[in-house]
Protein backbone atom coordinates (compact mmCIF):
# COMPACT_ATOMS: atom_id res chain seq x y z
CA MET A 1 0.03 -7.34 31.61
CA ARG A 2 3.55 -8.10 31.47
CA LYS A 3 5.97 -6.13 29.44
CA PHE A 4 5.94 -7.42 25.76
CA LYS A 5 8.66 -9.57 25.48
CA LEU A 6 8.98 -9.58 21.36
CA LEU A 7 8.11 -6.29 20.96
CA SER A 8 11.02 -5.94 18.99
CA TYR A 9 9.91 -7.49 16.61
CA LEU A 10 6.41 -5.72 16.63
CA VAL A 11 7.47 -2.04 15.84
CA PRO A 12 9.12 -2.31 12.32
CA VAL A 13 4.85 -3.21 11.54
CA CYS A 14 4.30 0.54 12.54
CA LEU A 15 6.79 1.73 9.73
CA ALA A 16 5.32 -0.63 7.34
CA LEU A 17 1.84 1.02 8.31
CA VAL A 18 3.23 5.04 7.45
CA LEU A 19 5.16 3.03 3.99
CA ILE A 20 1.78 1.43 3.09
CA ALA A 21 0.21 4.96 3.65
CA GLY A 22 2.74 6.55 1.34
CA ILE A 23 2.06 4.28 -1.30
CA LEU A 24 -1.76 5.05 -1.21
CA LEU A 25 -1.30 8.40 -1.79
CA ALA A 26 0.96 8.40 -4.82
CA SER A 27 -1.60 5.82 -5.82
CA CYS A 28 -4.38 8.17 -5.84
CA GLY A 29 -2.19 10.71 -7.70
CA GLY A 30 -2.78 11.56 -11.92
CA ASP A 31 -1.58 9.94 -14.65
CA GLU A 32 1.89 8.90 -13.44
CA GLU A 33 3.79 6.14 -13.07
CA THR A 34 3.56 5.20 -9.40
CA THR A 35 6.27 5.47 -7.15
CA THR A 36 7.47 5.53 -3.93
CA THR A 37 10.10 6.67 -1.39
CA THR A 38 11.86 4.14 1.28
CA THR A 39 13.72 5.43 4.25
CA THR A 40 15.95 2.91 6.19
CA THR A 41 17.85 2.98 9.18
CA THR A 42 21.07 2.50 6.92
CA SER A 43 19.89 3.93 3.71
CA THR A 44 17.63 6.52 2.00
CA THR A 45 16.78 5.73 -1.99
CA ALA A 46 15.36 8.31 -4.65
CA ALA A 47 11.76 7.74 -5.70
CA VAL A 48 12.21 4.53 -7.52
CA PRO A 49 9.60 4.56 -10.79
CA ARG A 50 7.72 1.02 -9.90
CA SER A 51 8.00 0.06 -13.46
CA ILE A 52 11.32 -0.64 -13.10
CA LEU A 53 11.96 -1.70 -9.12
CA GLN A 54 12.24 -5.58 -9.90
CA CYS A 55 12.24 -8.74 -7.99
CA PRO A 56 13.92 -10.14 -5.77
CA GLN A 57 12.47 -8.33 -2.93
CA GLY A 58 14.27 -7.37 0.08
CA PRO A 59 18.14 -6.70 0.01
CA ALA A 60 21.25 -8.50 -1.07
CA SER A 61 22.78 -11.75 -0.11
CA PRO A 62 25.43 -11.35 2.38
CA GLU A 63 27.28 -13.65 0.61
CA THR A 64 28.11 -14.77 -2.96
CA PRO A 65 25.18 -16.91 -3.54
CA GLN A 66 26.05 -20.93 -4.75
CA TYR A 67 24.11 -23.02 -7.19
CA GLY A 68 22.52 -26.20 -6.60
CA GLY A 69 21.15 -28.83 -3.98
CA THR A 70 17.60 -29.86 -2.50
CA MET A 71 16.54 -27.86 0.20
CA ARG A 72 14.71 -30.53 2.44
CA GLU A 73 11.64 -29.08 4.74
CA ILE A 74 10.21 -30.66 7.20
CA TRP A 75 6.61 -29.30 8.38
CA GLY A 76 4.07 -30.30 10.98
CA ALA A 77 1.66 -31.46 8.99
CA ALA A 78 0.46 -31.74 5.25
CA PRO A 79 -0.57 -29.54 2.60
CA SER A 80 -4.24 -29.20 2.33
CA ASN A 81 -4.17 -26.53 -0.84
CA ILE A 82 -1.36 -25.55 -2.67
CA GLY A 83 -2.47 -25.21 -5.88
CA ALA A 84 -6.27 -23.32 -5.98
CA PRO A 85 -5.66 -19.37 -4.50
CA TRP A 86 -9.21 -18.20 -5.23
CA ASN A 87 -10.20 -20.81 -2.09
CA LEU A 88 -8.11 -18.91 0.31
CA LEU A 89 -4.46 -20.14 1.33
CA SER A 90 -3.89 -20.55 4.99
CA GLY A 91 -0.56 -18.98 6.03
CA PRO A 92 1.95 -22.76 5.95
CA ASN A 93 -0.05 -23.32 2.36
CA LYS A 94 0.57 -20.34 1.20
CA MET A 95 4.09 -20.87 1.96
CA LEU A 96 4.56 -23.85 0.09
CA ALA A 97 2.10 -23.19 -2.81
CA ARG A 98 5.25 -20.33 -3.24
CA ASN A 99 7.64 -22.87 -4.83
CA ALA A 100 5.25 -22.65 -7.41
CA LEU A 101 2.98 -19.98 -7.95
CA GLU A 102 3.82 -15.80 -7.97
CA ALA A 103 1.50 -13.17 -6.84
CA LEU A 104 0.52 -9.55 -8.84
CA ASN A 105 1.98 -7.94 -5.75
CA GLY A 106 4.51 -8.93 -2.74
CA VAL A 107 5.32 -7.76 0.53
CA THR A 108 8.83 -6.50 1.28
CA ALA A 109 10.17 -7.73 4.68
CA THR A 110 8.81 -3.87 6.52
CA GLY A 111 5.32 -4.41 4.91
CA GLU A 112 6.02 -2.15 1.67
CA MET A 113 3.65 -3.30 -1.61
CA VAL A 114 5.66 -4.08 -4.18
CA PRO A 115 6.24 -6.00 -7.87
CA GLN A 116 6.13 -9.42 -8.50
CA LEU A 117 4.35 -10.49 -11.83
CA ALA A 118 2.84 -6.90 -12.27
CA THR A 119 5.18 -4.56 -12.83
CA ALA A 120 2.52 -1.19 -11.80
CA TRP A 121 -0.43 -0.41 -10.47
CA GLN A 122 -2.79 2.95 -10.89
CA LEU A 123 -5.30 3.83 -9.28
CA ASP A 124 -7.76 6.06 -10.71
CA PRO A 125 -8.72 9.35 -9.03
CA ASP A 126 -12.28 8.78 -8.05
CA LYS A 127 -10.77 5.32 -6.22
CA LYS A 128 -13.29 3.29 -9.11
CA THR A 129 -11.23 0.90 -10.46
CA VAL A 130 -7.29 0.34 -9.73
CA THR A 131 -5.35 -1.06 -13.43
CA PHE A 132 -1.96 -3.15 -12.94
CA THR A 133 0.70 -3.66 -15.72
CA LEU A 134 1.42 -7.05 -15.81
CA ARG A 135 5.42 -8.36 -16.67
CA GLU A 136 5.93 -9.38 -19.68
CA ASN A 137 7.56 -12.10 -21.04
CA VAL A 138 6.81 -14.76 -18.43
CA MET A 139 5.80 -18.41 -18.99
CA PHE A 140 4.06 -20.89 -16.69
CA HIS A 141 5.27 -24.31 -15.56
CA ASP A 142 2.75 -25.91 -18.30
CA ASN A 143 4.75 -23.30 -21.31
CA THR A 144 1.38 -21.37 -21.96
CA PRO A 145 1.82 -17.70 -21.59
CA PHE A 146 1.35 -15.78 -18.37
CA ASP A 147 -0.56 -12.91 -19.55
CA ALA A 148 -3.89 -10.30 -19.58
CA ASP A 149 -6.75 -13.10 -19.31
CA ALA A 150 -5.01 -15.51 -17.23
CA VAL A 151 -5.11 -12.84 -14.55
CA LYS A 152 -8.71 -12.31 -15.48
CA TRP A 153 -9.85 -15.65 -15.17
CA ASN A 154 -7.82 -16.00 -12.04
CA LEU A 155 -9.66 -12.89 -10.02
CA GLU A 156 -12.71 -13.97 -11.30
CA MET A 157 -12.42 -17.64 -9.61
CA CYS A 158 -11.60 -15.64 -6.26
CA ILE A 159 -14.98 -13.65 -7.46
CA GLU A 160 -16.36 -17.44 -8.06
CA HIS A 161 -15.28 -19.12 -4.24
CA ASN A 162 -15.98 -15.76 -2.58
CA ASN A 163 -12.33 -14.33 -1.96
CA PRO A 164 -12.59 -11.72 0.73
CA ALA A 165 -10.20 -9.67 -0.95
CA MET A 166 -13.31 -9.44 -4.72
CA GLN A 167 -15.71 -8.43 -1.93
CA LEU A 168 -15.88 -4.84 -3.18
CA VAL A 169 -14.77 -6.08 -7.20
CA THR A 170 -17.86 -5.71 -9.83
CA SER A 171 -15.35 -6.65 -12.56
CA VAL A 172 -12.52 -7.80 -13.98
CA GLU A 173 -11.18 -6.42 -17.71
CA ALA A 174 -8.48 -7.45 -19.98
CA LEU A 175 -7.50 -4.29 -21.50
CA ASP A 176 -5.15 -5.60 -23.33
CA LYS A 177 -2.39 -8.21 -23.27
CA THR A 178 -0.18 -6.71 -20.61
CA HIS A 179 -3.15 -4.48 -18.40
CA VAL A 180 -5.81 -5.79 -16.29
CA ARG A 181 -8.61 -3.42 -14.95
CA ILE A 182 -10.45 -3.99 -11.85
CA ASN A 183 -13.55 -2.31 -10.55
CA PHE A 184 -14.80 -1.73 -7.38
CA SER A 185 -17.93 -0.79 -6.05
CA GLN A 186 -16.36 0.70 -2.60
CA TYR A 187 -12.95 1.23 -2.74
CA ASP A 188 -10.86 -1.14 -0.03
CA PRO A 189 -7.65 0.99 0.86
CA LEU A 190 -5.60 -1.82 1.78
CA PHE A 191 -6.97 -3.89 -1.68
CA LEU A 192 -3.68 -4.59 -2.74
CA ASN A 193 -2.72 -6.55 0.77
CA SER A 194 -5.62 -8.54 1.05
CA LEU A 195 -4.47 -9.65 -2.73
CA CYS A 196 -1.00 -10.87 -0.64
CA GLY A 197 -2.86 -11.82 2.48
CA ASN A 198 -5.82 -13.49 1.09
CA THR A 199 -3.24 -15.19 -2.21
CA ALA A 200 -6.07 -13.29 -4.59
CA GLY A 201 -3.38 -11.80 -6.29
CA PHE A 202 -1.94 -15.97 -7.03
CA ILE A 203 -1.93 -16.73 -10.67
CA VAL A 204 -2.28 -20.45 -12.22
CA SER A 205 -2.11 -21.44 -15.23
CA PRO A 206 -6.02 -21.37 -16.30
CA THR A 207 -5.04 -24.26 -19.46
CA ALA A 208 -3.90 -26.63 -16.97
CA ALA A 209 -6.65 -26.11 -14.17
CA LYS A 210 -9.37 -25.79 -16.90
CA LYS A 211 -8.36 -29.56 -18.24
CA LEU A 212 -8.95 -30.98 -14.68
CA ILE A 213 -12.23 -29.15 -13.96
CA ASP A 214 -13.93 -30.12 -17.24
CA ALA A 215 -12.48 -33.58 -16.61
CA GLY A 216 -14.26 -33.49 -13.11
CA ASN A 217 -11.20 -33.36 -11.02
CA GLU A 218 -11.64 -29.97 -9.71
CA ASP A 219 -10.27 -30.61 -5.86
CA GLN A 220 -6.95 -32.23 -7.74
CA ILE A 221 -5.62 -28.57 -8.67
CA ASN A 222 -5.56 -28.00 -4.88
CA TYR A 223 -2.39 -30.59 -5.00
CA THR A 224 -0.65 -29.56 -8.52
CA PRO A 225 0.01 -26.29 -8.43
CA VAL A 226 1.05 -25.03 -11.86
CA GLY A 227 2.53 -21.62 -11.78
CA THR A 228 5.13 -19.26 -13.08
CA GLY A 229 7.28 -19.39 -10.05
CA PRO A 230 10.92 -20.92 -9.20
CA PHE A 231 10.53 -24.42 -8.96
CA LYS A 232 8.01 -26.47 -10.54
CA PHE A 233 5.81 -29.06 -9.27
CA VAL A 234 6.83 -32.61 -9.02
CA GLU A 235 5.02 -35.23 -6.72
CA PHE A 236 2.79 -34.93 -4.24
CA THR A 237 2.08 -37.90 -2.02
CA PRO A 238 -0.46 -37.56 0.72
CA ASN A 239 1.13 -37.92 4.26
CA VAL A 240 4.82 -38.67 3.41
CA ILE A 241 6.40 -36.24 0.49
CA LEU A 242 5.73 -33.11 -1.72
CA LYS A 243 8.73 -32.26 -4.19
CA PHE A 244 9.55 -29.53 -6.70
CA ALA A 245 12.37 -29.05 -9.19
CA LYS A 246 13.89 -26.05 -10.79
CA TRP A 247 12.17 -23.81 -13.33
CA GLU A 248 14.26 -24.06 -15.81
CA GLY A 249 11.88 -21.09 -17.64
CA TYR A 250 12.03 -18.84 -14.29
CA TRP A 251 11.77 -15.12 -15.74
CA GLN A 252 13.86 -14.01 -12.92
CA GLU A 253 17.60 -14.18 -14.27
CA GLY A 254 20.07 -16.09 -12.23
CA LEU A 255 17.20 -17.54 -10.01
CA PRO A 256 16.54 -19.75 -8.17
CA TYR A 257 19.89 -21.42 -7.01
CA LEU A 258 18.60 -24.61 -5.43
CA ASP A 259 18.34 -27.41 -7.62
CA ALA A 260 15.00 -28.86 -6.06
CA VAL A 261 12.73 -28.35 -2.72
CA GLU A 262 11.17 -30.99 -1.02
CA ILE A 263 9.05 -31.19 2.09
CA LYS A 264 8.19 -33.93 4.54
CA PRO A 265 5.39 -33.47 7.04
CA VAL A 266 6.28 -35.05 10.32
CA GLN A 267 3.54 -34.20 12.64
CA ASP A 268 5.20 -35.63 15.66
CA ALA A 269 7.26 -32.49 17.10
CA THR A 270 9.95 -34.90 18.90
CA VAL A 271 10.84 -37.10 15.97
CA ALA A 272 10.82 -33.83 13.59
CA LEU A 273 13.39 -32.38 15.77
CA ALA A 274 15.58 -35.04 15.86
CA ALA A 275 15.27 -35.44 12.57
CA PHE A 276 16.37 -31.76 11.82
CA ARG A 277 19.27 -32.32 14.68
CA ASN A 278 20.83 -35.56 12.17
CA LYS A 279 20.68 -33.10 9.41
CA GLU A 280 18.05 -35.25 7.64
CA CYS A 281 16.04 -32.27 6.58
CA ASP A 282 18.07 -28.21 6.35
CA TYR A 283 15.01 -26.32 7.25
CA LEU A 284 12.08 -27.01 10.39
CA GLU A 285 8.90 -25.25 9.55
CA GLY A 286 7.05 -25.17 13.37
CA VAL A 287 9.71 -24.97 16.26
CA ARG A 288 8.24 -25.35 19.69
CA PRO A 289 8.58 -23.07 21.85
CA MET A 290 10.23 -24.65 24.50
CA ASP A 291 13.09 -25.73 21.99
CA VAL A 292 13.86 -22.56 20.62
CA ASP A 293 16.86 -21.07 23.66
CA THR A 294 18.13 -24.27 22.92
CA LEU A 295 18.29 -24.92 19.43
CA ILE A 296 20.10 -21.19 19.14
CA ALA A 297 22.52 -22.45 22.25
CA GLU A 298 23.49 -25.14 19.42
CA GLY A 299 24.40 -22.79 16.80
CA TYR A 300 21.05 -23.14 14.51
CA ASN A 301 19.59 -20.04 12.94
CA VAL A 302 15.72 -19.76 14.57
CA THR A 303 14.24 -16.87 13.08
CA VAL A 304 10.37 -15.42 14.74
CA GLN A 305 7.77 -14.42 12.50
CA THR A 306 4.75 -13.21 14.05
CA SER A 307 1.37 -14.86 12.83
CA ALA A 308 -1.74 -14.33 14.85
CA ILE A 309 -3.55 -13.33 17.81
CA PHE A 310 -4.83 -16.38 19.36
CA GLY A 311 -8.83 -16.91 20.89
CA LEU A 312 -11.28 -18.47 21.25
CA CYS A 313 -15.15 -17.99 20.17
CA GLY A 314 -18.20 -20.21 20.45
CA ASP A 315 -21.75 -19.60 18.15
CA SER A 316 -22.60 -16.19 19.90
CA ALA A 317 -24.75 -15.57 16.58
CA ASN A 318 -27.26 -19.19 17.62
CA PRO A 319 -29.76 -17.88 20.10
CA ASP A 320 -30.67 -21.07 21.34
CA SER A 321 -26.76 -21.14 22.66
CA PRO A 322 -25.17 -20.47 25.77
CA PHE A 323 -22.78 -18.91 23.91
CA ALA A 324 -25.53 -16.55 22.79
CA ASP A 325 -25.25 -14.89 26.75
CA ILE A 326 -22.92 -12.34 27.78
CA ARG A 327 -23.07 -13.87 31.04
CA PHE A 328 -21.53 -17.23 29.76
CA ARG A 329 -19.61 -15.24 27.67
CA LYS A 330 -17.62 -12.76 30.38
CA ALA A 331 -17.45 -16.23 32.72
CA ILE A 332 -15.20 -18.01 30.06
CA MET A 333 -12.75 -14.96 30.28
CA TYR A 334 -12.70 -14.41 33.51
CA ALA A 335 -11.96 -18.08 34.19
CA LEU A 336 -8.65 -18.71 32.06
CA ASP A 337 -5.69 -18.13 33.76
CA ASN A 338 -3.86 -17.40 30.58
CA GLU A 339 -0.66 -16.22 31.94
CA SER A 340 0.11 -18.64 33.77
CA ILE A 341 -0.98 -21.33 30.63
CA VAL A 342 1.01 -19.86 28.11
CA ASP A 343 3.99 -19.47 30.45
CA SER A 344 3.67 -22.92 31.37
CA VAL A 345 2.57 -24.42 27.88
CA TYR A 346 4.44 -21.45 26.02
CA TYR A 347 7.96 -21.39 28.01
CA GLY A 348 7.26 -17.71 28.27
CA LYS A 349 8.26 -17.29 24.13
CA TYR A 350 4.53 -15.98 23.76
CA GLU A 351 2.84 -13.00 25.30
CA THR A 352 -0.91 -13.00 26.63
CA THR A 353 -2.74 -10.24 25.18
CA ASN A 354 -6.46 -8.67 26.57
CA GLN A 355 -7.88 -7.81 22.92
CA TRP A 356 -7.90 -8.00 19.36
CA ALA A 357 -4.12 -6.62 18.60
CA ALA A 358 -0.55 -6.76 20.06
CA PRO A 359 1.05 -5.62 22.98
CA GLY A 360 2.97 -2.56 21.44
CA GLY A 361 1.64 -3.33 17.74
CA PRO A 362 -1.04 -1.17 15.69
CA GLY A 363 -4.41 -1.05 17.31
CA TRP A 364 -2.75 -1.40 20.70
CA ASP A 365 -5.03 0.42 23.14
CA PRO A 366 -3.36 0.29 26.53
CA SER A 367 -6.66 1.81 28.43
CA ILE A 368 -8.43 -1.46 27.93
CA VAL A 369 -8.55 -3.65 30.81
CA GLY A 370 -10.41 -7.09 29.60
CA TYR A 371 -11.17 -9.44 31.91
CA THR A 372 -8.46 -10.60 33.92
CA TYR A 373 -8.43 -14.04 35.88
CA ASP A 374 -11.05 -14.19 38.65
CA LEU A 375 -12.41 -17.38 39.40
CA ALA A 376 -15.12 -16.04 42.05
CA LYS A 377 -16.55 -14.03 38.98
CA ALA A 378 -16.96 -16.72 36.71
CA LYS A 379 -18.38 -18.87 39.07
CA SER A 380 -21.18 -16.19 39.72
CA LEU A 381 -21.96 -15.65 36.51
CA LEU A 382 -22.44 -19.24 36.02
CA ALA A 383 -24.14 -19.80 38.88
CA GLU A 384 -27.27 -17.62 37.08
CA LEU A 385 -27.17 -20.17 34.61
CA ASN A 386 -27.57 -22.98 36.65
CA ILE A 387 -24.03 -24.31 35.38
CA SER A 388 -21.18 -25.07 38.97
CA VAL A 389 -19.10 -27.88 39.51
CA ASP A 390 -21.98 -30.24 40.68
CA THR A 391 -24.29 -29.42 37.49
CA PRO A 392 -21.30 -28.76 34.82
CA LEU A 393 -22.28 -27.97 31.59
CA ASN A 394 -20.64 -30.68 28.23
CA LEU A 395 -19.79 -28.44 25.58
CA LYS A 396 -17.96 -29.78 22.47
CA PHE A 397 -14.71 -27.99 21.47
CA THR A 398 -13.61 -28.20 17.82
CA TYR A 399 -10.02 -27.43 16.57
CA PRO A 400 -7.32 -27.98 14.24
CA GLN A 401 -4.75 -30.90 14.68
CA SER A 402 -1.85 -29.29 16.00
CA GLY A 403 1.42 -30.60 18.20
CA LEU A 404 1.63 -26.41 19.25
CA THR A 405 -1.41 -26.08 20.72
CA GLN A 406 -3.44 -29.95 22.46
CA ASP A 407 -0.98 -28.92 25.52
CA PHE A 408 -2.56 -25.63 25.52
CA TYR A 409 -6.08 -27.19 25.13
CA THR A 410 -5.44 -29.49 27.76
CA ALA A 411 -4.48 -26.57 30.33
CA LEU A 412 -7.66 -24.97 28.49
CA GLN A 413 -10.05 -27.87 29.84
CA GLY A 414 -8.28 -28.36 33.31
CA GLU A 415 -8.83 -24.52 33.75
CA LEU A 416 -12.97 -24.60 32.23
CA ALA A 417 -13.17 -27.71 34.20
CA LYS A 418 -12.85 -25.75 38.27
CA VAL A 419 -15.97 -23.95 37.00
CA GLY A 420 -18.06 -26.14 35.65
CA ILE A 421 -17.52 -26.48 32.08
CA ILE A 422 -16.55 -29.74 30.45
CA LEU A 423 -14.92 -29.55 26.82
CA GLU A 424 -15.04 -32.84 24.58
CA PHE A 425 -12.49 -32.69 22.11
CA ASP A 426 -13.35 -33.02 18.60
CA PRO A 427 -9.70 -32.76 16.46
CA LEU A 428 -9.74 -31.70 12.78
CA THR A 429 -7.55 -32.38 9.99
CA GLY A 430 -6.14 -28.63 8.76
CA ALA A 431 -9.09 -28.93 5.05
CA ALA A 432 -11.60 -30.01 7.59
CA TRP A 433 -10.93 -27.49 9.92
CA ASN A 434 -10.99 -24.93 7.25
CA SER A 435 -14.35 -26.31 6.44
CA PHE A 436 -15.75 -26.18 9.37
CA ARG A 437 -14.65 -22.97 10.50
CA MET A 438 -16.60 -21.29 6.92
CA GLY A 439 -19.81 -22.88 7.81
CA THR A 440 -22.32 -22.61 10.83
CA PHE A 441 -21.75 -24.59 14.27
CA ASN A 442 -23.98 -25.02 17.06
CA ASN A 443 -23.88 -25.15 20.95
CA GLN A 444 -19.83 -25.45 20.40
CA MET A 445 -16.51 -23.86 20.80
CA THR A 446 -13.87 -23.83 18.97
CA GLU A 447 -10.03 -21.99 18.08
CA PHE A 448 -10.07 -18.53 16.73
CA ASN A 449 -7.61 -18.01 14.72
CA SER A 450 -6.88 -14.17 14.07
CA SER A 451 -3.80 -12.92 11.03
CA TYR A 452 -1.99 -10.29 12.86
CA GLN A 453 0.16 -9.27 10.23
CA VAL A 454 0.88 -6.50 8.38
CA ASP A 455 -0.67 -8.19 5.43
CA PHE A 456 -3.88 -7.34 7.73
CA VAL A 457 -4.00 -4.98 10.00
CA TYR A 458 -6.63 -2.55 10.45
CA SER A 459 -9.53 -3.76 8.62
CA ASP A 460 -9.00 -7.63 6.69
CA PHE A 461 -9.01 -10.01 9.55
CA LEU A 462 -11.64 -7.96 11.06
CA LYS A 463 -13.89 -8.28 7.71
CA GLN A 464 -12.70 -11.87 7.67
CA SER A 465 -13.47 -12.79 10.80
CA PHE A 466 -15.70 -10.39 13.12
CA LYS A 467 -18.29 -9.17 10.82
CA LYS A 468 -21.84 -9.65 9.95
CA ASP A 469 -21.55 -12.80 7.33
CA SER A 470 -17.85 -12.70 7.39
CA VAL A 471 -15.75 -15.41 5.69
CA TRP A 472 -14.64 -16.90 8.82
CA TYR A 473 -16.97 -17.77 11.53
CA LYS A 474 -19.98 -16.72 10.74
CA SER A 475 -21.56 -18.08 13.57
CA VAL A 476 -19.98 -15.37 15.87
CA TRP A 477 -22.15 -12.72 16.92
CA THR A 478 -21.03 -9.09 16.47
CA SER A 479 -23.48 -5.62 17.39
CA ASP A 480 -25.11 -3.42 14.76
CA ALA A 481 -23.31 -0.44 15.94
CA TYR A 482 -20.11 -2.52 15.28
CA ASN A 483 -20.82 -3.48 11.78
CA ALA A 484 -22.11 0.24 10.76
CA LEU A 485 -18.44 1.32 12.32
CA LEU A 486 -16.74 -0.76 10.55
CA GLU A 487 -18.68 -0.39 6.87
CA THR A 488 -17.38 3.41 7.63
CA MET A 489 -14.15 2.38 8.32
CA LEU A 490 -13.44 -0.31 5.27
CA PRO A 491 -12.94 2.85 2.51
CA GLU A 492 -11.12 5.37 4.84
CA THR A 493 -8.48 6.05 3.30
CA ASP A 494 -6.73 8.33 5.80
CA MET A 495 -4.48 5.42 7.86
CA ALA A 496 -4.60 7.63 11.23
CA LYS A 497 -8.22 7.28 11.12
CA ARG A 498 -8.16 3.98 9.72
CA ALA A 499 -6.05 3.65 13.31
CA GLU A 500 -8.60 5.69 15.01
CA TYR A 501 -11.45 3.33 13.85
CA TYR A 502 -9.35 0.48 14.70
CA LYS A 503 -9.27 0.84 18.27
CA GLN A 504 -12.88 1.89 18.30
CA LEU A 505 -13.69 -1.81 16.92
CA ASN A 506 -11.60 -3.53 19.21
CA LYS A 507 -13.25 -2.00 22.26
CA MET A 508 -16.66 -2.83 21.05
CA LEU A 509 -14.95 -6.43 20.43
CA VAL A 510 -14.06 -6.70 23.86
CA ASP A 511 -16.56 -4.88 25.68
CA ASP A 512 -19.54 -7.10 24.16
CA CYS A 513 -16.93 -10.82 24.35
CA VAL A 514 -17.52 -11.46 20.68
CA ALA A 515 -14.12 -14.11 21.12
CA PHE A 516 -11.77 -14.65 23.86
CA PRO A 517 -8.76 -13.41 22.94
CA THR A 518 -5.06 -15.15 24.50
CA PHE A 519 -1.99 -14.64 23.38
CA VAL A 520 0.00 -13.17 20.14
CA LYS A 521 1.16 -15.86 18.79
CA ILE A 522 4.98 -16.35 16.95
CA ASN A 523 5.87 -18.84 14.31
CA PHE A 524 9.58 -19.92 15.00
CA LYS A 525 11.66 -21.67 12.32
CA ALA A 526 14.78 -23.28 12.07
CA ALA A 527 17.62 -23.91 9.61
CA GLN A 528 21.34 -25.27 9.45
CA PRO A 529 23.93 -23.00 10.02
CA TYR A 530 24.18 -23.51 5.69
CA LEU A 531 21.25 -22.78 4.67
CA ILE A 532 21.33 -19.07 3.67
CA ASP A 533 18.59 -16.18 2.89
CA MET A 534 14.93 -17.88 2.49
CA GLY A 535 13.69 -14.94 2.08
CA CYS A 536 11.40 -14.51 5.11
CA GLY A 537 9.64 -12.03 6.31
CA ASP A 538 9.79 -11.47 10.22
CA ILE A 539 5.92 -9.48 10.29
CA SER A 540 4.46 -10.02 6.72
CA ASN A 541 3.69 -13.74 5.23
CA GLU A 542 5.72 -13.34 2.60
CA TYR A 543 8.36 -16.00 1.21
CA LEU A 544 10.70 -16.10 -1.26
CA PRO A 545 12.11 -19.79 -2.14
CA GLU A 546 13.95 -17.80 -5.07
CA ARG A 547 16.61 -16.26 -2.33
CA ALA A 548 17.10 -19.56 -0.91
CA TRP A 549 20.89 -21.48 -1.04
CA ILE A 550 23.21 -24.04 0.43
CA LYS A 551 26.58 -22.88 1.66
CA GLN A 552 29.30 -25.85 0.44
């Protein structure tokens, strides 16, 4: 295993987990207002009552912000859902939706849970309920009030639509206009993280949503977000443009700075980069690794965000599938020369991993050996299954369309062909891909994209993807012993114990070859030098468009 090139971006995750542990311990005490003490390398602040800890999140801008202008963005794909958070918003959709929608709580750059639409939260001593105090005098973009009834409706929609953040929630109560109580069957110590990460905490106008539902246009909610955020939805033309305008009634005084935000989907990365260099856009999401060093040398601002452990899987829960046999799964791992593929495709900007953790990051276990590249072992295992170059197995491979992964999959196809596994590509659009991995699939292989952000560490992505009857990847098998240990970990409030449980679970996933980890995915973003403060975190999936401004 090579030295982790991006370790500097993951070190803050460890600090984040310490901060989260402190918050959870504080939440468990008495009836006093929840407080937190934050220590950084530059300063220490006294305990601040959470009820007066205000947005915006993060430090002040390094310069005096200027008002006006339209931020023009280019993304690699069009949005598939930016208005129905109960259906889960994937990373890109979540960021785009954040222009119009806000959550009960947010995440700082170091992973600390802080208020957005809630000003405080209190966990009862028995850990059976958590009560949110809501921000007053906040209006939705349709001029209806944000209050406890609106929050209750949104959270109940998340329960109805099986949002994973709400799996242990039994009911939601609106106590009065500014207080909401959530009742649990069993408390998940990272519930607050789940609200952010799984977008269950994002709140839309019930009035606007109900109008569409009552008219039989529920799908339209996906493309017409009506929230409390800094920008109001204006227009969406599929595969052409998404527009937002400044919300004059925004509750954060003096924000946003921009007049408007416009997003264009451009699938061709070369075309997108040329448009960025020609100043046809101010912000480019999803910069190719091959372009990073050149853009930095040219004077553009390039930032990084650790986003996922990227891997592969098959329908191992299907007894009739070749993936049900561990010999077949191990053969695939031995057949993949991940380091050579990643270096050639991603220009050394990503790092390979042999487990479901990033080297040097939370949950990483240096004692895990995994499956190193060994064609002889791969061929030997497949020979036992009567698979070889002379008697190949044709295997359907389904994945979401993306310019950043197509070359990887082409290289993958070539590697597996060497041992007699012939991949037949079946690319899907973003919306179709989400539906696919939430369902079941048969006799095929697919992409396994496992979030590795501070929003999810130590439970959520295991609960979402590596669990019997999980939200994603229901066709992937996990052992009874693994599921029993995971159920033991979920309610554990001691972060040190959670970390130890995670290491055990991580090893079980590797030993059983449940899915095939390949590399740590990094999201590179580029901005023109005059675009200041996008509010993007390196280790969280937070995005604060109200902070962005254009230097004239």
